[in-house]
Amino acid sequence: LVDDEDEFAEHQVKYGYPAEVIAQAQAS
């Protein structure tokens, strides 16, 4: 199972994850 998808979405906004970081994290 995949956990903490909600936290990942929230932190993209809160911490301002760059698009490349988001893409690399999701691909991993």
PDB file of all heavy atoms in Angstrom:
ATOM      1  N   LEU A   1       0.829  -1.201   0.000  1.00  0.00           N
ATOM      2  CA  LEU A   1       0.000   0.000   0.000  1.00  0.00           C
ATOM      3  C   LEU A   1       0.858   1.243   0.000  1.00  0.00           C
ATOM      4  O   LEU A   1       2.024   1.211   0.396  1.00  0.00           O
ATOM      5  CB  LEU A   1      -0.946   0.001   1.203  1.00  0.00           C
ATOM      6  CG  LEU A   1      -0.301   0.037   2.585  1.00  0.00           C
ATOM      7  CD1 LEU A   1      -0.535   1.384   3.232  1.00  0.00           C
ATOM      8  CD2 LEU A   1      -0.892  -1.057   3.446  1.00  0.00           C
ATOM      9  N   VAL A   2       0.274   2.337  -0.479  1.00  0.00           N
ATOM     10  CA  VAL A   2       0.913   3.649  -0.454  1.00  0.00           C
ATOM     11  C   VAL A   2       0.258   4.433   0.674  1.00  0.00           C
ATOM     12  O   VAL A   2      -0.971   4.474   0.781  1.00  0.00           O
ATOM     13  CB  VAL A   2       0.747   4.385  -1.798  1.00  0.00           C
ATOM     14  CG1 VAL A   2       1.337   5.793  -1.715  1.00  0.00           C
ATOM     15  CG2 VAL A   2       1.401   3.595  -2.929  1.00  0.00           C
ATOM     16  N   ASP A   3       1.087   5.063   1.500  1.00  0.00           N
ATOM     17  CA  ASP A   3       0.586   5.826   2.639  1.00  0.00           C
ATOM     18  C   ASP A   3       1.016   7.283   2.506  1.00  0.00           C
ATOM     19  O   ASP A   3       2.027   7.601   1.864  1.00  0.00           O
ATOM     20  CB  ASP A   3       1.138   5.229   3.933  1.00  0.00           C
ATOM     21  CG  ASP A   3       0.404   5.703   5.170  1.00  0.00           C
ATOM     22  OD1 ASP A   3      -0.763   6.128   5.063  1.00  0.00           O
ATOM     23  OD2 ASP A   3       1.004   5.638   6.256  1.00  0.00           O
ATOM     24  N   ASP A   4       0.259   8.159   3.138  1.00  0.00           N
ATOM     25  CA  ASP A   4       0.548   9.587   3.285  1.00  0.00           C
ATOM     26  C   ASP A   4       0.471  10.381   1.982  1.00  0.00           C
ATOM     27  O   ASP A   4       1.137  11.416   1.832  1.00  0.00           O
ATOM     28  CB  ASP A   4       1.893   9.812   3.980  1.00  0.00           C
ATOM     29  CG  ASP A   4       1.857   9.391   5.439  1.00  0.00           C
ATOM     30  OD1 ASP A   4       0.753   9.372   6.019  1.00  0.00           O
ATOM     31  OD2 ASP A   4       2.912   9.077   5.992  1.00  0.00           O
ATOM     32  N   GLU A   5      -0.390   9.946   1.056  1.00  0.00           N
ATOM     33  CA  GLU A   5      -0.594  10.729  -0.164  1.00  0.00           C
ATOM     34  C   GLU A   5      -1.204  12.088   0.174  1.00  0.00           C
ATOM     35  O   GLU A   5      -0.875  13.090  -0.478  1.00  0.00           O
ATOM     36  CB  GLU A   5      -1.492   9.967  -1.137  1.00  0.00           C
ATOM     37  CG  GLU A   5      -0.791   8.748  -1.713  1.00  0.00           C
ATOM     38  CD  GLU A   5      -1.717   7.872  -2.540  1.00  0.00           C
ATOM     39  OE1 GLU A   5      -2.660   7.294  -1.968  1.00  0.00           O
ATOM     40  OE2 GLU A   5      -1.485   7.787  -3.769  1.00  0.00           O
ATOM     41  N   ASP A   6      -2.046  12.145   1.197  1.00  0.00           N
ATOM     42  CA  ASP A   6      -2.640  13.414   1.618  1.00  0.00           C
ATOM     43  C   ASP A   6      -1.575  14.363   2.166  1.00  0.00           C
ATOM     44  O   ASP A   6      -1.573  15.565   1.871  1.00  0.00           O
ATOM     45  CB  ASP A   6      -3.745  13.182   2.644  1.00  0.00           C
ATOM     46  CG  ASP A   6      -3.291  12.385   3.863  1.00  0.00           C
ATOM     47  OD1 ASP A   6      -2.271  11.647   3.781  1.00  0.00           O
ATOM     48  OD2 ASP A   6      -3.957  12.478   4.913  1.00  0.00           O
ATOM     49  N   GLU A   7      -0.641  13.819   2.934  1.00  0.00           N
ATOM     50  CA  GLU A   7       0.456  14.632   3.469  1.00  0.00           C
ATOM     51  C   GLU A   7       1.343  15.152   2.345  1.00  0.00           C
ATOM     52  O   GLU A   7       1.783  16.307   2.366  1.00  0.00           O
ATOM     53  CB  GLU A   7       1.273  13.794   4.460  1.00  0.00           C
ATOM     54  CG  GLU A   7       2.321  14.565   5.201  1.00  0.00           C
ATOM     55  CD  GLU A   7       3.080  13.696   6.206  1.00  0.00           C
ATOM     56  OE1 GLU A   7       2.544  12.695   6.701  1.00  0.00           O
ATOM     57  OE2 GLU A   7       4.247  14.042   6.483  1.00  0.00           O
ATOM     58  N   PHE A   8       1.608  14.314   1.346  1.00  0.00           N
ATOM     59  CA  PHE A   8       2.411  14.718   0.191  1.00  0.00           C
ATOM     60  C   PHE A   8       1.737  15.899  -0.525  1.00  0.00           C
ATOM     61  O   PHE A   8       2.398  16.890  -0.850  1.00  0.00           O
ATOM     62  CB  PHE A   8       2.592  13.527  -0.753  1.00  0.00           C
ATOM     63  CG  PHE A   8       3.411  13.795  -1.981  1.00  0.00           C
ATOM     64  CD1 PHE A   8       4.709  14.268  -1.897  1.00  0.00           C
ATOM     65  CD2 PHE A   8       2.883  13.538  -3.239  1.00  0.00           C
ATOM     66  CE1 PHE A   8       5.473  14.484  -3.038  1.00  0.00           C
ATOM     67  CE2 PHE A   8       3.629  13.754  -4.385  1.00  0.00           C
ATOM     68  CZ  PHE A   8       4.923  14.237  -4.282  1.00  0.00           C
ATOM     69  N   ALA A   9       0.438  15.815  -0.750  1.00  0.00           N
ATOM     70  CA  ALA A   9      -0.298  16.909  -1.403  1.00  0.00           C
ATOM     71  C   ALA A   9      -0.258  18.180  -0.555  1.00  0.00           C
ATOM     72  O   ALA A   9      -0.027  19.286  -1.066  1.00  0.00           O
ATOM     73  CB  ALA A   9      -1.736  16.476  -1.672  1.00  0.00           C
ATOM     74  N   GLU A  10      -0.479  18.033   0.745  1.00  0.00           N
ATOM     75  CA  GLU A  10      -0.462  19.182   1.656  1.00  0.00           C
ATOM     76  C   GLU A  10       0.906  19.852   1.686  1.00  0.00           C
ATOM     77  O   GLU A  10       1.017  21.085   1.642  1.00  0.00           O
ATOM     78  CB  GLU A  10      -0.846  18.709   3.056  1.00  0.00           C
ATOM     79  CG  GLU A  10      -0.826  19.778   4.117  1.00  0.00           C
ATOM     80  CD  GLU A  10      -1.078  19.211   5.504  1.00  0.00           C
ATOM     81  OE1 GLU A  10      -1.968  18.342   5.653  1.00  0.00           O
ATOM     82  OE2 GLU A  10      -0.380  19.639   6.451  1.00  0.00           O
ATOM     83  N   HIS A  11       1.972  19.046   1.754  1.00  0.00           N
ATOM     84  CA  HIS A  11       3.319  19.605   1.866  1.00  0.00           C
ATOM     85  C   HIS A  11       3.820  20.214   0.557  1.00  0.00           C
ATOM     86  O   HIS A  11       4.715  21.060   0.589  1.00  0.00           O
ATOM     87  CB  HIS A  11       4.284  18.548   2.398  1.00  0.00           C
ATOM     88  CG  HIS A  11       4.078  18.276   3.854  1.00  0.00           C
ATOM     89  ND1 HIS A  11       4.739  17.291   4.528  1.00  0.00           N
ATOM     90  CD2 HIS A  11       3.272  18.873   4.780  1.00  0.00           C
ATOM     91  CE1 HIS A  11       4.356  17.284   5.798  1.00  0.00           C
ATOM     92  NE2 HIS A  11       3.466  18.232   5.963  1.00  0.00           N
ATOM     93  N   GLN A  12       3.258  19.800  -0.562  1.00  0.00           N
ATOM     94  CA  GLN A  12       3.613  20.457  -1.832  1.00  0.00           C
ATOM     95  C   GLN A  12       3.298  21.944  -1.750  1.00  0.00           C
ATOM     96  O   GLN A  12       4.066  22.774  -2.244  1.00  0.00           O
ATOM     97  CB  GLN A  12       2.842  19.827  -2.990  1.00  0.00           C
ATOM     98  CG  GLN A  12       3.299  18.431  -3.329  1.00  0.00           C
ATOM     99  CD  GLN A  12       2.433  17.797  -4.398  1.00  0.00           C
ATOM    100  OE1 GLN A  12       2.072  18.443  -5.380  1.00  0.00           O
ATOM    101  NE2 GLN A  12       2.085  16.529  -4.211  1.00  0.00           N
ATOM    102  N   VAL A  13       2.191  22.259  -1.103  1.00  0.00           N
ATOM    103  CA  VAL A  13       1.773  23.652  -0.941  1.00  0.00           C
ATOM    104  C   VAL A  13       2.524  24.296   0.223  1.00  0.00           C
ATOM    105  O   VAL A  13       3.127  25.363   0.083  1.00  0.00           O
ATOM    106  CB  VAL A  13       0.243  23.738  -0.709  1.00  0.00           C
ATOM    107  CG1 VAL A  13      -0.174  25.169  -0.409  1.00  0.00           C
ATOM    108  CG2 VAL A  13      -0.502  23.176  -1.909  1.00  0.00           C
ATOM    109  N   LYS A  14       2.510  23.625   1.382  1.00  0.00           N
ATOM    110  CA  LYS A  14       3.115  24.186   2.596  1.00  0.00           C
ATOM    111  C   LYS A  14       4.598  24.513   2.410  1.00  0.00           C
ATOM    112  O   LYS A  14       5.066  25.578   2.827  1.00  0.00           O
ATOM    113  CB  LYS A  14       2.936  23.205   3.761  1.00  0.00           C
ATOM    114  CG  LYS A  14       3.530  23.689   5.069  1.00  0.00           C
ATOM    115  CD  LYS A  14       3.291  22.699   6.188  1.00  0.00           C
ATOM    116  CE  LYS A  14       3.902  23.174   7.490  1.00  0.00           C
ATOM    117  NZ  LYS A  14       3.647  22.222   8.580  1.00  0.00           N
ATOM    118  N   TYR A  15       5.356  23.585   1.806  1.00  0.00           N
ATOM    119  CA  TYR A  15       6.800  23.760   1.661  1.00  0.00           C
ATOM    120  C   TYR A  15       7.208  24.247   0.274  1.00  0.00           C
ATOM    121  O   TYR A  15       8.385  24.507   0.033  1.00  0.00           O
ATOM    122  CB  TYR A  15       7.533  22.448   1.959  1.00  0.00           C
ATOM    123  CG  TYR A  15       7.352  21.965   3.383  1.00  0.00           C
ATOM    124  CD1 TYR A  15       6.962  20.656   3.641  1.00  0.00           C
ATOM    125  CD2 TYR A  15       7.587  22.790   4.467  1.00  0.00           C
ATOM    126  CE1 TYR A  15       6.805  20.188   4.938  1.00  0.00           C
ATOM    127  CE2 TYR A  15       7.437  22.333   5.771  1.00  0.00           C
ATOM    128  CZ  TYR A  15       7.046  21.030   5.997  1.00  0.00           C
ATOM    129  OH  TYR A  15       6.894  20.587   7.283  1.00  0.00           O
ATOM    130  N   GLY A  16       6.261  24.310  -0.650  1.00  0.00           N
ATOM    131  CA  GLY A  16       6.589  24.773  -1.994  1.00  0.00           C
ATOM    132  C   GLY A  16       7.507  23.826  -2.749  1.00  0.00           C
ATOM    133  O   GLY A  16       8.482  24.256  -3.364  1.00  0.00           O
ATOM    134  N   TYR A  17       7.201  22.521  -2.696  1.00  0.00           N
ATOM    135  CA  TYR A  17       8.025  21.569  -3.440  1.00  0.00           C
ATOM    136  C   TYR A  17       8.124  22.000  -4.905  1.00  0.00           C
ATOM    137  O   TYR A  17       7.094  22.244  -5.541  1.00  0.00           O
ATOM    138  CB  TYR A  17       7.411  20.170  -3.422  1.00  0.00           C
ATOM    139  CG  TYR A  17       7.389  19.434  -2.108  1.00  0.00           C
ATOM    140  CD1 TYR A  17       6.706  18.226  -2.021  1.00  0.00           C
ATOM    141  CD2 TYR A  17       8.026  19.888  -0.966  1.00  0.00           C
ATOM    142  CE1 TYR A  17       6.659  17.501  -0.837  1.00  0.00           C
ATOM    143  CE2 TYR A  17       7.982  19.175   0.219  1.00  0.00           C
ATOM    144  CZ  TYR A  17       7.294  17.985   0.271  1.00  0.00           C
ATOM    145  OH  TYR A  17       7.239  17.274   1.445  1.00  0.00           O
ATOM    146  N   PRO A  18       9.315  22.041  -5.460  1.00  0.00           N
ATOM    147  CA  PRO A  18       9.459  22.328  -6.890  1.00  0.00           C
ATOM    148  C   PRO A  18       8.844  21.195  -7.732  1.00  0.00           C
ATOM    149  O   PRO A  18       8.771  20.044  -7.280  1.00  0.00           O
ATOM    150  CB  PRO A  18      10.979  22.383  -7.092  1.00  0.00           C
ATOM    151  CG  PRO A  18      11.544  22.610  -5.733  1.00  0.00           C
ATOM    152  CD  PRO A  18      10.600  21.957  -4.769  1.00  0.00           C
ATOM    153  N   ALA A  19       8.435  21.521  -8.946  1.00  0.00           N
ATOM    154  CA  ALA A  19       7.811  20.542  -9.841  1.00  0.00           C
ATOM    155  C   ALA A  19       8.696  19.314 -10.034  1.00  0.00           C
ATOM    156  O   ALA A  19       8.197  18.183 -10.080  1.00  0.00           O
ATOM    157  CB  ALA A  19       7.484  21.191 -11.183  1.00  0.00           C
ATOM    158  N   GLU A  20      10.007  19.501 -10.144  1.00  0.00           N
ATOM    159  CA  GLU A  20      10.920  18.367 -10.340  1.00  0.00           C
ATOM    160  C   GLU A  20      10.919  17.431  -9.129  1.00  0.00           C
ATOM    161  O   GLU A  20      10.958  16.213  -9.285  1.00  0.00           O
ATOM    162  CB  GLU A  20      12.349  18.855 -10.604  1.00  0.00           C
ATOM    163  CG  GLU A  20      13.328  17.717 -10.778  1.00  0.00           C
ATOM    164  CD  GLU A  20      14.767  18.174 -10.946  1.00  0.00           C
ATOM    165  OE1 GLU A  20      15.000  19.238 -11.543  1.00  0.00           O
ATOM    166  OE2 GLU A  20      15.658  17.449 -10.462  1.00  0.00           O
ATOM    167  N   VAL A  21      10.864  17.990  -7.924  1.00  0.00           N
ATOM    168  CA  VAL A  21      10.826  17.179  -6.707  1.00  0.00           C
ATOM    169  C   VAL A  21       9.523  16.378  -6.656  1.00  0.00           C
ATOM    170  O   VAL A  21       9.524  15.180  -6.346  1.00  0.00           O
ATOM    171  CB  VAL A  21      11.003  18.052  -5.446  1.00  0.00           C
ATOM    172  CG1 VAL A  21      10.680  17.277  -4.172  1.00  0.00           C
ATOM    173  CG2 VAL A  21      12.425  18.605  -5.392  1.00  0.00           C
ATOM    174  N   ILE A  22       8.421  17.013  -6.992  1.00  0.00           N
ATOM    175  CA  ILE A  22       7.135  16.324  -7.015  1.00  0.00           C
ATOM    176  C   ILE A  22       7.161  15.167  -8.012  1.00  0.00           C
ATOM    177  O   ILE A  22       6.751  14.044  -7.691  1.00  0.00           O
ATOM    178  CB  ILE A  22       5.992  17.307  -7.355  1.00  0.00           C
ATOM    179  CG1 ILE A  22       5.849  18.348  -6.238  1.00  0.00           C
ATOM    180  CG2 ILE A  22       4.680  16.557  -7.591  1.00  0.00           C
ATOM    181  CD1 ILE A  22       4.966  19.536  -6.611  1.00  0.00           C
ATOM    182  N   ALA A  23       7.671  15.432  -9.197  1.00  0.00           N
ATOM    183  CA  ALA A  23       7.723  14.399 -10.239  1.00  0.00           C
ATOM    184  C   ALA A  23       8.637  13.246  -9.840  1.00  0.00           C
ATOM    185  O   ALA A  23       8.284  12.069 -10.026  1.00  0.00           O
ATOM    186  CB  ALA A  23       8.181  15.013 -11.564  1.00  0.00           C
ATOM    187  N   GLN A  24       9.806  13.545  -9.293  1.00  0.00           N
ATOM    188  CA  GLN A  24      10.749  12.497  -8.871  1.00  0.00           C
ATOM    189  C   GLN A  24      10.163  11.664  -7.734  1.00  0.00           C
ATOM    190  O   GLN A  24      10.289  10.442  -7.720  1.00  0.00           O
ATOM    191  CB  GLN A  24      12.083  13.111  -8.428  1.00  0.00           C
ATOM    192  CG  GLN A  24      12.911  13.677  -9.548  1.00  0.00           C
ATOM    193  CD  GLN A  24      13.629  12.613 -10.351  1.00  0.00           C
ATOM    194  OE1 GLN A  24      13.465  11.414 -10.163  1.00  0.00           O
ATOM    195  NE2 GLN A  24      14.442  13.057 -11.289  1.00  0.00           N
ATOM    196  N   ALA A  25       9.514  12.320  -6.779  1.00  0.00           N
ATOM    197  CA  ALA A  25       8.924  11.606  -5.644  1.00  0.00           C
ATOM    198  C   ALA A  25       7.813  10.672  -6.125  1.00  0.00           C
ATOM    199  O   ALA A  25       7.750   9.511  -5.715  1.00  0.00           O
ATOM    200  CB  ALA A  25       8.393  12.592  -4.611  1.00  0.00           C
ATOM    201  N   GLN A  26       6.938  11.164  -6.991  1.00  0.00           N
ATOM    202  CA  GLN A  26       5.836  10.334  -7.478  1.00  0.00           C
ATOM    203  C   GLN A  26       6.348   9.170  -8.312  1.00  0.00           C
ATOM    204  O   GLN A  26       5.866   8.039  -8.190  1.00  0.00           O
ATOM    205  CB  GLN A  26       4.842  11.171  -8.293  1.00  0.00           C
ATOM    206  CG  GLN A  26       3.580  10.406  -8.624  1.00  0.00           C
ATOM    207  CD  GLN A  26       2.801  10.000  -7.390  1.00  0.00           C
ATOM    208  OE1 GLN A  26       2.344  10.851  -6.627  1.00  0.00           O
ATOM    209  NE2 GLN A  26       2.620   8.698  -7.167  1.00  0.00           N
ATOM    210  N   ALA A  27       7.351   9.423  -9.159  1.00  0.00           N
ATOM    211  CA  ALA A  27       7.931   8.355  -9.984  1.00  0.00           C
ATOM    212  C   ALA A  27       8.590   7.292  -9.106  1.00  0.00           C
ATOM    213  O   ALA A  27       8.455   6.088  -9.363  1.00  0.00           O
ATOM    214  CB  ALA A  27       8.937   8.935 -10.976  1.00  0.00           C
ATOM    215  N   SER A  28       9.287   7.712  -8.058  1.00  0.00           N
ATOM    216  CA  SER A  28       9.913   6.766  -7.140  1.00  0.00           C
ATOM    217  C   SER A  28       8.851   5.924  -6.444  1.00  0.00           C
ATOM    218  O   SER A  28       8.983   4.700  -6.329  1.00  0.00           O
ATOM    219  CB  SER A  28      10.757   7.515  -6.111  1.00  0.00           C
ATOM    220  OG  SER A  28      11.381   6.618  -5.224  1.00  0.00           O
TER     221      SER A  28
END
